[in-house]
Amino acid sequence: MRAFQIRETGSFMSGLLSGDLFDAFLLEEASLHTAVHWQTDGRVNRDFYDSETWNDPAQRPYELAQWKQVRPYFRELIKGTRAPSSFRFVLHLKPETMTALLSRAGLSGLSDSIAALVLTIRYDGKQVSLVTGVGMKTFTMDRSADKMWDDAMQRFLVRADIAFDPLT
């Protein structure tokens, strides 16, 4: 697990809410504090779909909502003259992206043990911080996936030209 503090909140927020920067992620949960506290479970609602759509992976490929599909709702809730007092988004890297990342790092053997590569984005009213994490299906002492995910996120931020400071 590694934490990063974002130096330029405005440009980061633009990439998060208006750009496609985080479109490789799924939303597990969100909590947004504006004039009203908004709380969202990112799990796709079974009752909304008919059985044909629910069982068709082409129409519903994930158990969690894709960030690119829910991003406009959060942008709408956040836009305006006042910033939220706080928020927290818990994102998971899409499974196929996670598998490719593990493969490139030579860690393909761990893909069955890893439930998710997690990114938590927090805003406390002043600063944005990111925290990485690895959700495991089974216990392991092997922390190579954690290190790989931390390093991958740091490279992602550098490539996206997002100024940050690593936190200890």
Protein backbone atom coordinates (compact mmCIF):
# COMPACT_ATOMS: atom_id res chain seq x y z
CA MET A 1 0.00 0.00 0.00
CA ARG A 2 1.28 3.41 -0.95
CA ALA A 3 -0.21 6.88 -0.62
CA PHE A 4 0.27 9.86 -2.90
CA GLN A 5 -0.72 13.46 -2.26
CA ILE A 6 -1.77 15.34 -5.38
CA ARG A 7 -0.16 18.78 -5.70
CA GLU A 8 -2.57 20.36 -8.21
CA THR A 9 -6.10 19.46 -7.15
CA GLY A 10 -7.82 21.37 -9.99
CA SER A 11 -6.10 19.59 -12.87
CA PHE A 12 -6.46 16.23 -11.14
CA MET A 13 -10.20 16.80 -10.63
CA SER A 14 -10.57 17.70 -14.28
CA GLY A 15 -8.95 14.41 -15.28
CA LEU A 16 -11.05 12.47 -12.79
CA LEU A 17 -14.44 14.00 -13.61
CA SER A 18 -14.18 15.30 -17.18
CA GLY A 19 -11.48 13.24 -18.86
CA ASP A 20 -10.99 9.58 -19.60
CA LEU A 21 -7.98 9.25 -17.29
CA PHE A 22 -9.65 6.76 -14.93
CA ASP A 23 -11.80 4.92 -17.47
CA ALA A 24 -9.84 1.69 -16.87
CA PHE A 25 -11.48 1.54 -13.44
CA LEU A 26 -14.72 0.31 -11.91
CA LEU A 27 -16.47 2.01 -9.00
CA GLU A 28 -16.84 -0.05 -5.83
CA GLU A 29 -18.22 2.75 -3.69
CA ALA A 30 -18.37 6.51 -3.38
CA SER A 31 -19.09 9.00 -0.63
CA LEU A 32 -19.54 12.66 -1.55
CA HIS A 33 -20.21 15.48 0.92
CA THR A 34 -21.73 18.59 -0.63
CA ALA A 35 -24.86 20.31 0.74
CA VAL A 36 -26.13 16.72 0.91
CA HIS A 37 -24.19 13.54 1.72
CA TRP A 38 -24.30 11.23 -1.32
CA GLN A 39 -23.34 7.61 -0.80
CA THR A 40 -23.18 5.12 -3.66
CA ASP A 41 -22.60 1.41 -3.85
CA GLY A 42 -20.99 0.73 -7.22
CA ARG A 43 -22.43 -2.77 -7.53
CA VAL A 44 -24.64 -3.17 -10.57
CA ASN A 45 -28.30 -3.48 -9.54
CA ARG A 46 -29.67 -6.90 -10.55
CA ASP A 47 -33.30 -5.77 -10.24
CA PHE A 48 -32.82 -3.09 -12.90
CA TYR A 49 -32.10 -5.60 -15.68
CA ASP A 50 -34.11 -8.33 -17.31
CA SER A 51 -32.51 -11.78 -17.14
CA GLU A 52 -31.37 -11.70 -20.77
CA THR A 53 -29.41 -8.47 -20.27
CA TRP A 54 -28.12 -9.56 -16.84
CA ASN A 55 -26.72 -12.80 -18.22
CA ASP A 56 -25.16 -11.24 -21.34
CA PRO A 57 -21.51 -10.34 -20.61
CA ALA A 58 -21.43 -8.07 -23.65
CA GLN A 59 -24.13 -5.87 -22.11
CA ARG A 60 -23.11 -6.22 -18.47
CA PRO A 61 -19.45 -7.18 -18.39
CA TYR A 62 -18.71 -6.31 -14.75
CA GLU A 63 -20.24 -6.67 -11.29
CA LEU A 64 -19.26 -3.07 -10.56
CA ALA A 65 -20.23 0.05 -12.50
CA GLN A 66 -17.67 1.34 -14.97
CA TRP A 67 -16.21 4.68 -13.86
CA LYS A 68 -16.72 6.12 -17.35
CA GLN A 69 -20.46 5.44 -17.06
CA VAL A 70 -20.98 6.98 -13.60
CA ARG A 71 -18.42 9.80 -13.92
CA PRO A 72 -20.96 12.26 -15.44
CA TYR A 73 -23.25 11.87 -12.42
CA PHE A 74 -20.46 12.75 -10.01
CA ARG A 75 -19.32 15.63 -12.22
CA GLU A 76 -22.87 16.99 -12.08
CA LEU A 77 -22.99 16.68 -8.28
CA ILE A 78 -19.59 18.35 -7.83
CA LYS A 79 -19.70 21.15 -10.40
CA GLY A 80 -20.47 24.64 -9.23
CA THR A 81 -18.83 27.44 -7.33
CA ARG A 82 -18.29 25.49 -4.09
CA ALA A 83 -16.05 22.49 -3.80
CA PRO A 84 -17.33 19.48 -1.89
CA SER A 85 -16.37 19.42 1.77
CA SER A 86 -15.00 15.91 1.15
CA PHE A 87 -15.29 12.81 -0.99
CA ARG A 88 -13.98 9.30 -1.28
CA PHE A 89 -14.05 7.09 -4.37
CA VAL A 90 -12.97 3.45 -4.15
CA LEU A 91 -12.03 2.20 -7.61
CA HIS A 92 -10.93 -1.20 -8.90
CA LEU A 93 -8.79 -1.65 -11.97
CA LYS A 94 -10.81 -3.54 -14.59
CA PRO A 95 -10.04 -7.28 -14.45
CA GLU A 96 -8.62 -7.50 -17.97
CA THR A 97 -6.34 -4.51 -17.30
CA MET A 98 -5.26 -6.07 -14.00
CA THR A 99 -4.45 -9.37 -15.74
CA ALA A 100 -2.40 -7.59 -18.42
CA LEU A 101 -0.54 -5.55 -15.79
CA LEU A 102 0.29 -8.68 -13.77
CA SER A 103 1.43 -10.45 -16.92
CA ARG A 104 3.74 -7.58 -17.94
CA ALA A 105 5.24 -7.65 -14.44
CA GLY A 106 5.84 -11.40 -14.63
CA LEU A 107 3.23 -12.05 -11.92
CA SER A 108 0.63 -13.95 -13.96
CA GLY A 109 0.63 -16.73 -11.38
CA LEU A 110 -0.92 -14.36 -8.83
CA SER A 111 -3.95 -13.40 -10.94
CA ASP A 112 -6.12 -16.17 -9.43
CA SER A 113 -5.24 -14.98 -5.91
CA ILE A 114 -5.99 -11.28 -6.46
CA ALA A 115 -9.57 -10.06 -6.21
CA ALA A 116 -8.79 -6.44 -7.14
CA LEU A 117 -6.15 -3.78 -7.57
CA VAL A 118 -7.74 -0.95 -5.61
CA LEU A 119 -7.29 2.82 -5.78
CA THR A 120 -8.92 4.98 -3.13
CA ILE A 121 -9.19 8.68 -3.99
CA ARG A 122 -9.85 10.99 -1.02
CA TYR A 123 -10.47 14.70 -0.81
CA ASP A 124 -10.58 16.27 2.66
CA GLY A 125 -11.67 19.76 1.62
CA LYS A 126 -8.10 20.85 0.91
CA GLN A 127 -6.01 18.03 -0.51
CA VAL A 128 -6.52 15.03 -2.75
CA SER A 129 -4.72 11.84 -1.81
CA LEU A 130 -4.57 8.46 -3.50
CA VAL A 131 -4.04 5.17 -1.69
CA THR A 132 -3.28 1.93 -3.49
CA GLY A 133 -4.22 -1.49 -2.21
CA VAL A 134 -4.48 -5.09 -3.31
CA GLY A 135 -7.56 -7.11 -2.44
CA MET A 136 -6.59 -10.74 -2.07
CA LYS A 137 -8.88 -13.76 -2.38
CA THR A 138 -6.59 -15.79 -0.15
CA PHE A 139 -3.94 -14.92 2.41
CA THR A 140 -0.38 -14.74 1.19
CA MET A 141 2.88 -13.39 2.56
CA ASP A 142 3.93 -12.49 -0.99
CA ARG A 143 3.81 -8.70 -1.37
CA SER A 144 5.09 -8.56 -4.95
CA ALA A 145 1.63 -7.59 -6.24
CA ASP A 146 1.49 -4.69 -3.77
CA LYS A 147 4.87 -3.40 -4.93
CA MET A 148 3.94 -3.85 -8.59
CA TRP A 149 0.64 -1.94 -8.11
CA ASP A 150 2.35 0.88 -6.17
CA ASP A 151 4.98 1.25 -8.89
CA ALA A 152 2.38 1.03 -11.68
CA MET A 153 0.30 3.79 -10.06
CA GLN A 154 3.34 6.01 -9.71
CA ARG A 155 4.16 5.50 -13.42
CA PHE A 156 0.50 6.19 -14.28
CA LEU A 157 0.60 9.53 -12.44
CA VAL A 158 3.89 10.51 -14.09
CA ARG A 159 2.58 9.61 -17.59
CA ALA A 160 -0.64 11.56 -16.91
CA ASP A 161 1.48 14.56 -15.86
CA ILE A 162 -0.12 14.65 -12.41
CA ALA A 163 2.16 16.29 -9.86
CA PHE A 164 2.28 14.32 -6.62
CA ASP A 165 4.28 13.68 -3.48
CA PRO A 166 4.63 10.14 -2.15
CA LEU A 167 3.41 9.86 1.43
CA THR A 168 4.92 7.48 3.94
